[in-house]
Amino acid sequence: MSAQRKDLAGAERLMRQAATLMPASPSAHRNLGMVLFAQDKLDEAQQVLTLAKALASVANNKEKKKRKE
């Protein structure tokens, strides 16, 4: 196993923790998805990145609603 792969495995653990601690955070999920993608875990990366996109959309809609108030 290369040092880079080992670093990605550590990054994955940290990003999973971040996504668990901040389940509504688009950036936490996006970062996890990118780490998964870098490890060729493409199916899981796609699922996580799709969730990140949905969370970002929800956050953007909330921000727009606040501005109108």
PDB file of N, CA and C in Angstrom:
ATOM      1  N   MET A   1       0.858  -1.183   0.000  1.00  0.00           N
ATOM      2  CA  MET A   1       0.000   0.000   0.000  1.00  0.00           C
ATOM      3  C   MET A   1       0.900   1.242   0.000  1.00  0.00           C
ATOM      4  N   SER A   2       0.617   2.158  -0.884  1.00  0.00           N
ATOM      5  CA  SER A   2       1.437   3.371  -0.969  1.00  0.00           C
ATOM      6  C   SER A   2       1.100   4.326   0.168  1.00  0.00           C
ATOM      7  N   ALA A   3       2.034   5.223   0.417  1.00  0.00           N
ATOM      8  CA  ALA A   3       1.799   6.236   1.462  1.00  0.00           C
ATOM      9  C   ALA A   3       0.588   7.085   1.111  1.00  0.00           C
ATOM     10  N   GLN A   4       0.422   7.387  -0.171  1.00  0.00           N
ATOM     11  CA  GLN A   4      -0.726   8.197  -0.593  1.00  0.00           C
ATOM     12  C   GLN A   4      -2.031   7.473  -0.282  1.00  0.00           C
ATOM     13  N   ARG A   5      -2.112   6.192  -0.566  1.00  0.00           N
ATOM     14  CA  ARG A   5      -3.328   5.422  -0.263  1.00  0.00           C
ATOM     15  C   ARG A   5      -3.597   5.421   1.240  1.00  0.00           C
ATOM     16  N   LYS A   6      -2.550   5.300   2.020  1.00  0.00           N
ATOM     17  CA  LYS A   6      -2.716   5.299   3.469  1.00  0.00           C
ATOM     18  C   LYS A   6      -3.265   6.656   3.920  1.00  0.00           C
ATOM     19  N   ASP A   7      -2.758   7.732   3.356  1.00  0.00           N
ATOM     20  CA  ASP A   7      -3.251   9.066   3.689  1.00  0.00           C
ATOM     21  C   ASP A   7      -4.714   9.213   3.292  1.00  0.00           C
ATOM     22  N   LEU A   8      -5.096   8.671   2.157  1.00  0.00           N
ATOM     23  CA  LEU A   8      -6.492   8.751   1.726  1.00  0.00           C
ATOM     24  C   LEU A   8      -7.397   7.955   2.662  1.00  0.00           C
ATOM     25  N   ALA A   9      -6.910   6.833   3.140  1.00  0.00           N
ATOM     26  CA  ALA A   9      -7.703   6.043   4.088  1.00  0.00           C
ATOM     27  C   ALA A   9      -7.917   6.830   5.380  1.00  0.00           C
ATOM     28  N   GLY A  10      -6.879   7.515   5.835  1.00  0.00           N
ATOM     29  CA  GLY A  10      -7.015   8.357   7.027  1.00  0.00           C
ATOM     30  C   GLY A  10      -7.949   9.522   6.775  1.00  0.00           C
ATOM     31  N   ALA A  11      -7.824  10.114   5.597  1.00  0.00           N
ATOM     32  CA  ALA A  11      -8.717  11.221   5.233  1.00  0.00           C
ATOM     33  C   ALA A  11     -10.164  10.739   5.175  1.00  0.00           C
ATOM     34  N   GLU A  12     -10.369   9.545   4.653  1.00  0.00           N
ATOM     35  CA  GLU A  12     -11.728   8.998   4.600  1.00  0.00           C
ATOM     36  C   GLU A  12     -12.317   8.854   5.999  1.00  0.00           C
ATOM     37  N   ARG A  13     -11.515   8.334   6.914  1.00  0.00           N
ATOM     38  CA  ARG A  13     -12.012   8.189   8.299  1.00  0.00           C
ATOM     39  C   ARG A  13     -12.409   9.542   8.877  1.00  0.00           C
ATOM     40  N   LEU A  14     -11.566  10.541   8.676  1.00  0.00           N
ATOM     41  CA  LEU A  14     -11.858  11.876   9.206  1.00  0.00           C
ATOM     42  C   LEU A  14     -13.093  12.486   8.544  1.00  0.00           C
ATOM     43  N   MET A  15     -13.217  12.320   7.245  1.00  0.00           N
ATOM     44  CA  MET A  15     -14.370  12.894   6.530  1.00  0.00           C
ATOM     45  C   MET A  15     -15.661  12.184   6.912  1.00  0.00           C
ATOM     46  N   ARG A  16     -15.576  10.883   7.162  1.00  0.00           N
ATOM     47  CA  ARG A  16     -16.774  10.162   7.641  1.00  0.00           C
ATOM     48  C   ARG A  16     -17.194  10.689   9.016  1.00  0.00           C
ATOM     49  N   GLN A  17     -16.210  10.954   9.870  1.00  0.00           N
ATOM     50  CA  GLN A  17     -16.524  11.510  11.188  1.00  0.00           C
ATOM     51  C   GLN A  17     -17.168  12.887  11.040  1.00  0.00           C
ATOM     52  N   ALA A  18     -16.623  13.704  10.158  1.00  0.00           N
ATOM     53  CA  ALA A  18     -17.178  15.042   9.942  1.00  0.00           C
ATOM     54  C   ALA A  18     -18.612  14.950   9.427  1.00  0.00           C
ATOM     55  N   ALA A  19     -18.854  14.059   8.474  1.00  0.00           N
ATOM     56  CA  ALA A  19     -20.202  13.915   7.919  1.00  0.00           C
ATOM     57  C   ALA A  19     -21.178  13.392   8.978  1.00  0.00           C
ATOM     58  N   THR A  20     -20.686  12.551   9.866  1.00  0.00           N
ATOM     59  CA  THR A  20     -21.536  12.036  10.942  1.00  0.00           C
ATOM     60  C   THR A  20     -21.850  13.129  11.958  1.00  0.00           C
ATOM     61  N   LEU A  21     -20.842  13.929  12.292  1.00  0.00           N
ATOM     62  CA  LEU A  21     -21.045  15.000  13.273  1.00  0.00           C
ATOM     63  C   LEU A  21     -21.853  16.171  12.707  1.00  0.00           C
ATOM     64  N   MET A  22     -21.787  16.360  11.398  1.00  0.00           N
ATOM     65  CA  MET A  22     -22.486  17.474  10.738  1.00  0.00           C
ATOM     66  C   MET A  22     -23.303  16.931   9.566  1.00  0.00           C
ATOM     67  N   PRO A  23     -24.365  16.183   9.856  1.00  0.00           N
ATOM     68  CA  PRO A  23     -25.103  15.506   8.782  1.00  0.00           C
ATOM     69  C   PRO A  23     -25.774  16.449   7.780  1.00  0.00           C
ATOM     70  N   ALA A  24     -25.979  17.696   8.128  1.00  0.00           N
ATOM     71  CA  ALA A  24     -26.608  18.650   7.208  1.00  0.00           C
ATOM     72  C   ALA A  24     -25.577  19.503   6.464  1.00  0.00           C
ATOM     73  N   SER A  25     -24.304  19.198   6.611  1.00  0.00           N
ATOM     74  CA  SER A  25     -23.243  20.003   6.009  1.00  0.00           C
ATOM     75  C   SER A  25     -22.921  19.525   4.593  1.00  0.00           C
ATOM     76  N   PRO A  26     -23.220  20.355   3.590  1.00  0.00           N
ATOM     77  CA  PRO A  26     -22.858  19.965   2.219  1.00  0.00           C
ATOM     78  C   PRO A  26     -21.354  19.788   2.056  1.00  0.00           C
ATOM     79  N   SER A  27     -20.562  20.643   2.683  1.00  0.00           N
ATOM     80  CA  SER A  27     -19.109  20.556   2.492  1.00  0.00           C
ATOM     81  C   SER A  27     -18.524  19.293   3.114  1.00  0.00           C
ATOM     82  N   ALA A  28     -19.046  18.866   4.253  1.00  0.00           N
ATOM     83  CA  ALA A  28     -18.552  17.635   4.875  1.00  0.00           C
ATOM     84  C   ALA A  28     -18.794  16.441   3.945  1.00  0.00           C
ATOM     85  N   HIS A  29     -19.977  16.399   3.354  1.00  0.00           N
ATOM     86  CA  HIS A  29     -20.297  15.301   2.440  1.00  0.00           C
ATOM     87  C   HIS A  29     -19.533  15.424   1.125  1.00  0.00           C
ATOM     88  N   ARG A  30     -19.366  16.649   0.647  1.00  0.00           N
ATOM     89  CA  ARG A  30     -18.599  16.848  -0.588  1.00  0.00           C
ATOM     90  C   ARG A  30     -17.162  16.379  -0.387  1.00  0.00           C
ATOM     91  N   ASN A  31     -16.563  16.747   0.732  1.00  0.00           N
ATOM     92  CA  ASN A  31     -15.182  16.329   1.007  1.00  0.00           C
ATOM     93  C   ASN A  31     -15.068  14.814   1.098  1.00  0.00           C
ATOM     94  N   LEU A  32     -16.031  14.183   1.760  1.00  0.00           N
ATOM     95  CA  LEU A  32     -16.030  12.719   1.841  1.00  0.00           C
ATOM     96  C   LEU A  32     -16.157  12.128   0.441  1.00  0.00           C
ATOM     97  N   GLY A  33     -17.050  12.670  -0.358  1.00  0.00           N
ATOM     98  CA  GLY A  33     -17.227  12.160  -1.717  1.00  0.00           C
ATOM     99  C   GLY A  33     -15.962  12.276  -2.544  1.00  0.00           C
ATOM    100  N   MET A  34     -15.242  13.369  -2.386  1.00  0.00           N
ATOM    101  CA  MET A  34     -14.009  13.557  -3.150  1.00  0.00           C
ATOM    102  C   MET A  34     -12.924  12.572  -2.709  1.00  0.00           C
ATOM    103  N   VAL A  35     -12.855  12.296  -1.413  1.00  0.00           N
ATOM    104  CA  VAL A  35     -11.882  11.315  -0.918  1.00  0.00           C
ATOM    105  C   VAL A  35     -12.242   9.922  -1.423  1.00  0.00           C
ATOM    106  N   LEU A  36     -13.516   9.602  -1.418  1.00  0.00           N
ATOM    107  CA  LEU A  36     -13.951   8.308  -1.941  1.00  0.00           C
ATOM    108  C   LEU A  36     -13.626   8.193  -3.433  1.00  0.00           C
ATOM    109  N   PHE A  37     -13.877   9.259  -4.171  1.00  0.00           N
ATOM    110  CA  PHE A  37     -13.571   9.287  -5.601  1.00  0.00           C
ATOM    111  C   PHE A  37     -12.079   9.061  -5.837  1.00  0.00           C
ATOM    112  N   ALA A  38     -11.246   9.698  -5.041  1.00  0.00           N
ATOM    113  CA  ALA A  38      -9.793   9.560  -5.184  1.00  0.00           C
ATOM    114  C   ALA A  38      -9.325   8.128  -4.920  1.00  0.00           C
ATOM    115  N   GLN A  39     -10.136   7.367  -4.193  1.00  0.00           N
ATOM    116  CA  GLN A  39      -9.807   5.967  -3.898  1.00  0.00           C
ATOM    117  C   GLN A  39     -10.507   5.002  -4.855  1.00  0.00           C
ATOM    118  N   ASP A  40     -11.119   5.539  -5.898  1.00  0.00           N
ATOM    119  CA  ASP A  40     -11.857   4.739  -6.882  1.00  0.00           C
ATOM    120  C   ASP A  40     -13.056   4.009  -6.290  1.00  0.00           C
ATOM    121  N   LYS A  41     -13.619   4.558  -5.220  1.00  0.00           N
ATOM    122  CA  LYS A  41     -14.862   4.027  -4.653  1.00  0.00           C
ATOM    123  C   LYS A  41     -16.002   4.815  -5.289  1.00  0.00           C
ATOM    124  N   LEU A  42     -16.174   4.571  -6.573  1.00  0.00           N
ATOM    125  CA  LEU A  42     -16.991   5.452  -7.397  1.00  0.00           C
ATOM    126  C   LEU A  42     -18.481   5.399  -7.078  1.00  0.00           C
ATOM    127  N   ASP A  43     -19.018   4.220  -6.815  1.00  0.00           N
ATOM    128  CA  ASP A  43     -20.456   4.129  -6.508  1.00  0.00           C
ATOM    129  C   ASP A  43     -20.796   4.894  -5.232  1.00  0.00           C
ATOM    130  N   GLU A  44     -20.006   4.665  -4.198  1.00  0.00           N
ATOM    131  CA  GLU A  44     -20.249   5.364  -2.934  1.00  0.00           C
ATOM    132  C   GLU A  44     -19.990   6.863  -3.072  1.00  0.00           C
ATOM    133  N   ALA A  45     -18.947   7.213  -3.825  1.00  0.00           N
ATOM    134  CA  ALA A  45     -18.648   8.632  -4.051  1.00  0.00           C
ATOM    135  C   ALA A  45     -19.823   9.319  -4.728  1.00  0.00           C
ATOM    136  N   GLN A  46     -20.408   8.669  -5.716  1.00  0.00           N
ATOM    137  CA  GLN A  46     -21.546   9.259  -6.417  1.00  0.00           C
ATOM    138  C   GLN A  46     -22.722   9.474  -5.471  1.00  0.00           C
ATOM    139  N   GLN A  47     -22.989   8.509  -4.626  1.00  0.00           N
ATOM    140  CA  GLN A  47     -24.093   8.638  -3.666  1.00  0.00           C
ATOM    141  C   GLN A  47     -23.849   9.790  -2.697  1.00  0.00           C
ATOM    142  N   VAL A  48     -22.648   9.874  -2.179  1.00  0.00           N
ATOM    143  CA  VAL A  48     -22.320  10.910  -1.199  1.00  0.00           C
ATOM    144  C   VAL A  48     -22.335  12.295  -1.857  1.00  0.00           C
ATOM    145  N   LEU A  49     -21.810  12.394  -3.074  1.00  0.00           N
ATOM    146  CA  LEU A  49     -21.801  13.681  -3.772  1.00  0.00           C
ATOM    147  C   LEU A  49     -23.214  14.117  -4.162  1.00  0.00           C
ATOM    148  N   THR A  50     -24.066  13.166  -4.486  1.00  0.00           N
ATOM    149  CA  THR A  50     -25.473  13.485  -4.767  1.00  0.00           C
ATOM    150  C   THR A  50     -26.144  14.034  -3.515  1.00  0.00           C
ATOM    151  N   LEU A  51     -25.850  13.433  -2.366  1.00  0.00           N
ATOM    152  CA  LEU A  51     -26.386  13.937  -1.097  1.00  0.00           C
ATOM    153  C   LEU A  51     -25.855  15.337  -0.817  1.00  0.00           C
ATOM    154  N   ALA A  52     -24.564  15.561  -1.057  1.00  0.00           N
ATOM    155  CA  ALA A  52     -23.979  16.885  -0.833  1.00  0.00           C
ATOM    156  C   ALA A  52     -24.667  17.935  -1.691  1.00  0.00           C
ATOM    157  N   LYS A  53     -24.947  17.592  -2.929  1.00  0.00           N
ATOM    158  CA  LYS A  53     -25.637  18.525  -3.838  1.00  0.00           C
ATOM    159  C   LYS A  53     -27.041  18.841  -3.319  1.00  0.00           C
ATOM    160  N   ALA A  54     -27.744  17.830  -2.845  1.00  0.00           N
ATOM    161  CA  ALA A  54     -29.090  18.045  -2.308  1.00  0.00           C
ATOM    162  C   ALA A  54     -29.034  18.915  -1.051  1.00  0.00           C
ATOM    163  N   LEU A  55     -28.067  18.662  -0.186  1.00  0.00           N
ATOM    164  CA  LEU A  55     -27.934  19.465   1.033  1.00  0.00           C
ATOM    165  C   LEU A  55     -27.598  20.916   0.698  1.00  0.00           C
ATOM    166  N   ALA A  56     -26.759  21.114  -0.307  1.00  0.00           N
ATOM    167  CA  ALA A  56     -26.416  22.480  -0.725  1.00  0.00           C
ATOM    168  C   ALA A  56     -27.643  23.192  -1.273  1.00  0.00           C
ATOM    169  N   SER A  57     -28.474  22.483  -1.995  1.00  0.00           N
ATOM    170  CA  SER A  57     -29.698  23.072  -2.542  1.00  0.00           C
ATOM    171  C   SER A  57     -30.637  23.504  -1.418  1.00  0.00           C
ATOM    172  N   VAL A  58     -30.780  22.660  -0.417  1.00  0.00           N
ATOM    173  CA  VAL A  58     -31.625  22.985   0.734  1.00  0.00           C
ATOM    174  C   VAL A  58     -31.075  24.217   1.448  1.00  0.00           C
ATOM    175  N   ALA A  59     -29.760  24.251   1.646  1.00  0.00           N
ATOM    176  CA  ALA A  59     -29.138  25.399   2.325  1.00  0.00           C
ATOM    177  C   ALA A  59     -29.341  26.680   1.515  1.00  0.00           C
ATOM    178  N   ASN A  60     -29.199  26.587   0.203  1.00  0.00           N
ATOM    179  CA  ASN A  60     -29.389  27.765  -0.653  1.00  0.00           C
ATOM    180  C   ASN A  60     -30.831  28.254  -0.603  1.00  0.00           C
ATOM    181  N   ASN A  61     -31.779  27.322  -0.597  1.00  0.00           N
ATOM    182  CA  ASN A  61     -33.189  27.705  -0.526  1.00  0.00           C
ATOM    183  C   ASN A  61     -33.508  28.382   0.800  1.00  0.00           C
ATOM    184  N   LYS A  62     -32.926  27.884   1.887  1.00  0.00           N
ATOM    185  CA  LYS A  62     -33.140  28.518   3.191  1.00  0.00           C
ATOM    186  C   LYS A  62     -32.584  29.934   3.207  1.00  0.00           C
ATOM    187  N   GLU A  63     -31.408  30.102   2.603  1.00  0.00           N
ATOM    188  CA  GLU A  63     -30.783  31.432   2.556  1.00  0.00           C
ATOM    189  C   GLU A  63     -31.631  32.403   1.731  1.00  0.00           C
ATOM    190  N   LYS A  64     -32.150  31.955   0.616  1.00  0.00           N
ATOM    191  CA  LYS A  64     -33.009  32.795  -0.220  1.00  0.00           C
ATOM    192  C   LYS A  64     -34.280  33.199   0.533  1.00  0.00           C
ATOM    193  N   LYS A  65     -34.836  32.240   1.263  1.00  0.00           N
ATOM    194  CA  LYS A  65     -36.055  32.517   2.024  1.00  0.00           C
ATOM    195  C   LYS A  65     -35.788  33.562   3.105  1.00  0.00           C
ATOM    196  N   LYS A  66     -34.630  33.482   3.772  1.00  0.00           N
ATOM    197  CA  LYS A  66     -34.280  34.469   4.792  1.00  0.00           C
ATOM    198  C   LYS A  66     -34.154  35.860   4.194  1.00  0.00           C
ATOM    199  N   ARG A  67     -33.587  35.951   3.018  1.00  0.00           N
ATOM    200  CA  ARG A  67     -33.400  37.249   2.371  1.00  0.00           C
ATOM    201  C   ARG A  67     -34.736  37.924   2.033  1.00  0.00           C
ATOM    202  N   LYS A  68     -35.735  37.116   1.724  1.00  0.00           N
ATOM    203  CA  LYS A  68     -37.043  37.666   1.368  1.00  0.00           C
ATOM    204  C   LYS A  68     -37.800  38.184   2.594  1.00  0.00           C
ATOM    205  N   GLU A  69     -37.441  37.673   3.748  1.00  0.00           N
ATOM    206  CA  GLU A  69     -38.164  38.066   4.974  1.00  0.00           C
ATOM    207  C   GLU A  69     -37.750  39.431   5.464  1.00  0.00           C
TER     208      GLU A  69
END
